[in-house]
N, C-alpha and C. Protein backbone atom coordinates (compact mmCIF):
# COMPACT_ATOMS: atom_id res chain seq x y z
N UNK A 1 66.62 119.02 89.05
CA UNK A 1 66.20 117.46 87.74
C UNK A 1 66.79 116.58 87.69
N UNK A 2 66.11 115.58 87.72
CA UNK A 2 65.60 113.96 88.30
C UNK A 2 65.88 113.48 86.45
N UNK A 3 67.13 112.60 86.66
CA UNK A 3 67.64 111.55 85.56
C UNK A 3 66.64 110.63 85.76
N UNK A 4 65.52 109.91 84.99
CA UNK A 4 65.14 108.34 84.87
C UNK A 4 65.39 107.58 83.82
N UNK A 5 64.87 106.83 83.67
CA UNK A 5 65.09 105.39 82.87
C UNK A 5 63.82 105.11 81.81
N UNK A 6 63.21 106.38 82.32
CA UNK A 6 61.68 106.22 81.47
C UNK A 6 61.97 106.29 80.05
N UNK A 7 61.34 105.15 79.41
CA UNK A 7 60.91 105.36 78.17
C UNK A 7 60.48 106.63 77.27
N UNK A 8 60.07 107.54 78.12
CA UNK A 8 60.27 108.85 77.20
C UNK A 8 61.17 109.92 77.40
N UNK A 9 62.02 109.26 77.83
CA UNK A 9 63.81 109.64 78.16
C UNK A 9 64.05 109.87 76.73
N UNK A 10 64.59 110.90 76.21
CA UNK A 10 65.88 111.02 74.81
C UNK A 10 66.75 110.29 75.07
N UNK A 11 67.30 109.92 74.36
CA UNK A 11 68.45 109.31 74.00
C UNK A 11 69.91 110.87 73.95
N UNK A 12 70.61 110.23 74.88
CA UNK A 12 71.78 111.53 74.36
C UNK A 12 73.12 110.76 74.02
N UNK A 13 74.46 111.27 73.01
CA UNK A 13 74.92 111.39 72.65
C UNK A 13 76.55 112.29 72.83
N UNK A 14 77.56 111.92 73.43
CA UNK A 14 78.71 112.65 73.49
C UNK A 14 79.27 112.43 72.54
N UNK A 15 80.30 113.43 71.69
CA UNK A 15 81.17 113.61 70.28
C UNK A 15 81.68 114.55 71.01
N UNK A 16 83.56 113.77 70.81
CA UNK A 16 84.80 114.31 71.67
C UNK A 16 85.60 114.71 70.47
N UNK A 17 86.09 115.80 69.81
CA UNK A 17 86.59 115.82 68.49
C UNK A 17 88.20 115.78 68.67
N UNK A 18 88.47 114.67 68.00
CA UNK A 18 90.14 114.83 67.99
C UNK A 18 91.00 115.39 66.97
N UNK A 19 90.26 116.35 66.33
CA UNK A 19 91.10 117.09 65.40
C UNK A 19 90.35 118.33 65.42
N UNK A 20 90.53 119.11 64.65
CA UNK A 20 89.68 120.33 64.47
C UNK A 20 88.55 120.17 63.52
N UNK A 21 87.77 120.84 63.05
CA UNK A 21 87.18 120.86 61.78
C UNK A 21 85.62 119.96 61.93
N UNK A 22 85.85 119.02 62.94
CA UNK A 22 85.01 118.51 63.26
C UNK A 22 83.35 118.83 63.19
N UNK A 23 82.61 118.09 62.36
CA UNK A 23 81.42 118.46 61.93
C UNK A 23 80.42 117.65 62.47
N UNK A 24 79.24 118.47 63.27
CA UNK A 24 77.92 117.60 63.96
C UNK A 24 76.89 118.22 62.88
N UNK A 25 75.92 117.27 62.50
CA UNK A 25 74.70 118.07 61.92
C UNK A 25 73.91 117.19 62.48
N UNK A 26 72.78 118.24 62.88
CA UNK A 26 71.82 117.50 63.28
C UNK A 26 70.22 117.62 62.28
N UNK A 27 70.21 116.26 62.19
CA UNK A 27 69.35 115.91 60.82
C UNK A 27 67.48 116.16 61.20
N UNK A 28 66.16 116.34 60.57
CA UNK A 28 65.11 116.75 60.87
C UNK A 28 64.48 114.82 60.98
N UNK A 29 63.38 115.17 61.45
CA UNK A 29 62.68 114.43 61.70
C UNK A 29 61.66 114.28 60.48
N UNK A 30 60.96 113.48 60.06
CA UNK A 30 59.82 113.30 58.49
C UNK A 30 60.03 113.12 57.60
N UNK A 31 58.70 113.27 56.86
CA UNK A 31 59.43 112.82 55.02
C UNK A 31 60.21 113.71 54.40
N UNK A 32 60.64 114.85 54.83
CA UNK A 32 61.20 115.69 54.58
C UNK A 32 62.55 115.72 55.27
N UNK A 33 63.77 114.95 54.96
CA UNK A 33 64.80 114.42 56.29
C UNK A 33 66.07 115.52 56.04
N UNK A 34 66.31 116.43 56.73
CA UNK A 34 67.38 117.82 56.03
C UNK A 34 67.83 117.71 57.46
N UNK A 35 68.92 118.59 56.93
CA UNK A 35 69.78 119.59 58.37
C UNK A 35 69.13 120.74 58.93
N UNK A 36 68.72 120.42 60.81
CA UNK A 36 68.68 121.88 61.26
C UNK A 36 68.98 122.22 62.09
N UNK A 37 70.57 121.77 61.96
CA UNK A 37 71.50 122.73 63.42
C UNK A 37 72.78 121.58 62.49
N UNK A 38 73.90 122.68 62.55
CA UNK A 38 75.32 122.71 62.87
C UNK A 38 76.80 122.45 64.22
N UNK A 39 77.30 121.83 63.87
CA UNK A 39 78.37 122.28 64.75
C UNK A 39 79.19 122.34 64.20
N UNK A 40 80.08 123.21 64.77
CA UNK A 40 81.56 122.71 64.25
C UNK A 40 82.72 122.88 65.68
N UNK A 41 83.67 121.73 65.43
CA UNK A 41 84.35 121.12 67.07
C UNK A 41 85.52 121.34 66.50
N UNK A 42 86.55 122.42 67.51
CA UNK A 42 87.68 122.40 67.68
C UNK A 42 88.41 121.21 68.24
N UNK A 43 89.44 120.83 68.26
CA UNK A 43 90.24 119.19 68.70
C UNK A 43 90.39 119.46 70.18
N UNK A 44 89.51 118.48 70.86
CA UNK A 44 89.14 118.46 72.43
C UNK A 44 88.25 119.06 72.94
N UNK A 45 87.00 119.43 71.96
CA UNK A 45 86.24 119.97 72.37
C UNK A 45 84.96 118.91 72.57
N UNK A 46 83.53 118.93 72.77
CA UNK A 46 83.05 117.38 73.30
C UNK A 46 81.66 118.63 72.84
N UNK A 47 80.80 117.85 72.73
CA UNK A 47 79.31 118.31 72.53
C UNK A 47 77.98 117.12 72.67
N UNK A 48 77.64 117.31 73.88
CA UNK A 48 76.78 116.29 74.07
C UNK A 48 75.15 116.60 73.21
N UNK A 49 74.59 116.20 72.92
CA UNK A 49 73.27 115.95 71.78
C UNK A 49 72.29 115.00 72.43
N UNK A 50 71.32 115.49 72.19
CA UNK A 50 69.93 113.82 72.66
C UNK A 50 69.57 114.15 70.94
N UNK A 51 68.34 112.88 70.85
CA UNK A 51 67.72 112.57 69.64
C UNK A 51 66.58 113.35 70.12
N UNK A 52 65.68 113.71 69.61
CA UNK A 52 64.23 114.73 69.94
C UNK A 52 62.92 113.88 68.99
N UNK A 53 62.25 115.07 69.30
CA UNK A 53 60.65 114.77 68.21
C UNK A 53 61.33 115.49 67.04
N UNK A 54 62.13 116.42 66.75
CA UNK A 54 62.85 117.35 65.35
C UNK A 54 63.58 116.65 65.34
N UNK A 55 64.67 115.76 66.12
CA UNK A 55 66.20 115.32 65.27
C UNK A 55 65.98 113.85 65.26
N UNK A 56 66.28 113.42 64.30
CA UNK A 56 66.16 111.59 63.92
C UNK A 56 67.22 110.91 63.78
N UNK A 57 68.34 111.69 63.37
CA UNK A 57 69.60 111.42 63.11
C UNK A 57 70.78 112.92 63.49
N UNK A 58 71.94 112.39 63.17
CA UNK A 58 72.72 113.07 63.71
C UNK A 58 74.13 112.21 62.93
N UNK A 59 74.71 113.34 62.08
CA UNK A 59 75.73 113.26 61.14
C UNK A 59 77.06 113.49 61.82
N UNK A 60 78.55 113.13 61.74
CA UNK A 60 79.62 113.20 62.08
C UNK A 60 80.21 113.25 61.36
N UNK A 61 81.23 114.55 60.89
CA UNK A 61 82.05 114.23 59.85
C UNK A 61 83.53 114.77 60.70
N UNK A 62 84.31 114.11 60.00
CA UNK A 62 85.97 114.57 60.40
C UNK A 62 86.28 113.26 61.56
N UNK A 63 87.26 113.89 62.55
CA UNK A 63 87.99 112.91 63.47
C UNK A 63 87.19 113.07 64.66
N UNK A 64 86.17 112.39 65.15
CA UNK A 64 85.87 112.04 66.00
C UNK A 64 85.39 110.83 67.07
N UNK A 65 85.38 111.44 68.24
CA UNK A 65 84.53 109.55 69.76
C UNK A 65 83.41 109.93 69.85
N UNK A 66 82.69 109.38 69.25
CA UNK A 66 81.23 109.20 69.66
C UNK A 66 80.74 107.96 70.47
N UNK A 67 80.21 109.09 72.29
CA UNK A 67 80.19 107.93 73.06
C UNK A 67 78.58 107.80 73.31
N UNK A 68 78.07 106.49 72.95
CA UNK A 68 76.63 106.20 72.83
C UNK A 68 76.50 104.97 74.00
N UNK A 69 75.13 105.02 74.58
CA UNK A 69 74.78 103.47 75.07
C UNK A 69 75.40 102.49 74.60
N UNK A 70 76.00 102.33 73.45
CA UNK A 70 76.31 101.08 72.38
C UNK A 70 77.95 100.80 72.66
N UNK A 71 78.23 102.00 73.69
CA UNK A 71 79.73 102.02 73.34
C UNK A 71 80.50 103.28 72.72
N UNK A 72 81.52 103.00 72.10
CA UNK A 72 82.41 104.21 71.67
C UNK A 72 82.56 104.04 70.07
N UNK A 73 82.40 104.89 69.27
CA UNK A 73 82.30 104.54 68.12
C UNK A 73 83.03 105.63 67.15
N UNK A 74 83.99 105.08 66.17
CA UNK A 74 85.51 106.07 66.12
C UNK A 74 85.09 107.07 64.69
N UNK A 75 84.64 107.86 64.51
CA UNK A 75 84.20 108.43 63.05
C UNK A 75 85.93 109.42 62.69
N UNK A 76 86.60 108.69 61.74
CA UNK A 76 87.37 109.11 61.02
C UNK A 76 87.26 109.91 59.67
N UNK A 77 88.06 111.35 59.05
CA UNK A 77 88.19 111.43 57.76
C UNK A 77 89.55 111.29 57.07
N UNK A 78 88.69 110.71 55.97
CA UNK A 78 89.93 109.72 54.89
C UNK A 78 90.98 110.77 54.66
N UNK A 79 92.20 111.35 54.50
CA UNK A 79 93.01 112.31 53.96
C UNK A 79 93.25 111.14 52.16
N UNK A 80 93.15 112.03 51.13
CA UNK A 80 93.44 111.38 49.76
C UNK A 80 94.93 111.39 49.68
N UNK A 81 94.63 110.18 48.70
CA UNK A 81 96.41 110.22 48.78
C UNK A 81 96.83 110.34 47.16
N UNK A 82 97.87 111.26 46.75
CA UNK A 82 98.51 111.83 45.71
C UNK A 82 98.80 110.91 45.16
C-alpha cells in the first residue's frame, strides 16, 4: 500500500493513553451527529484513527496525548476537589 498526499487521503490521528480509562469516541457525519464507535484505552495503549466519510469528529475523554498533523495536544481529566 502506497501512502500519498492526495487530497482524497483521509487524515489520521494517534491517541496515546497516559492513564487507564481513556475513552475515544467516533462521531457520525451529517445532520444527526451521534456516537458510532467507542474505544477504551489503558495506560500506555495507542489507538490510530482516521476521519472518514462516516466520522466527522473524534471525542477524547481522560488523560491522553493526541498526535495530529498540527502537533501534539494533551487531554486531561480534571479531578474534583472536595
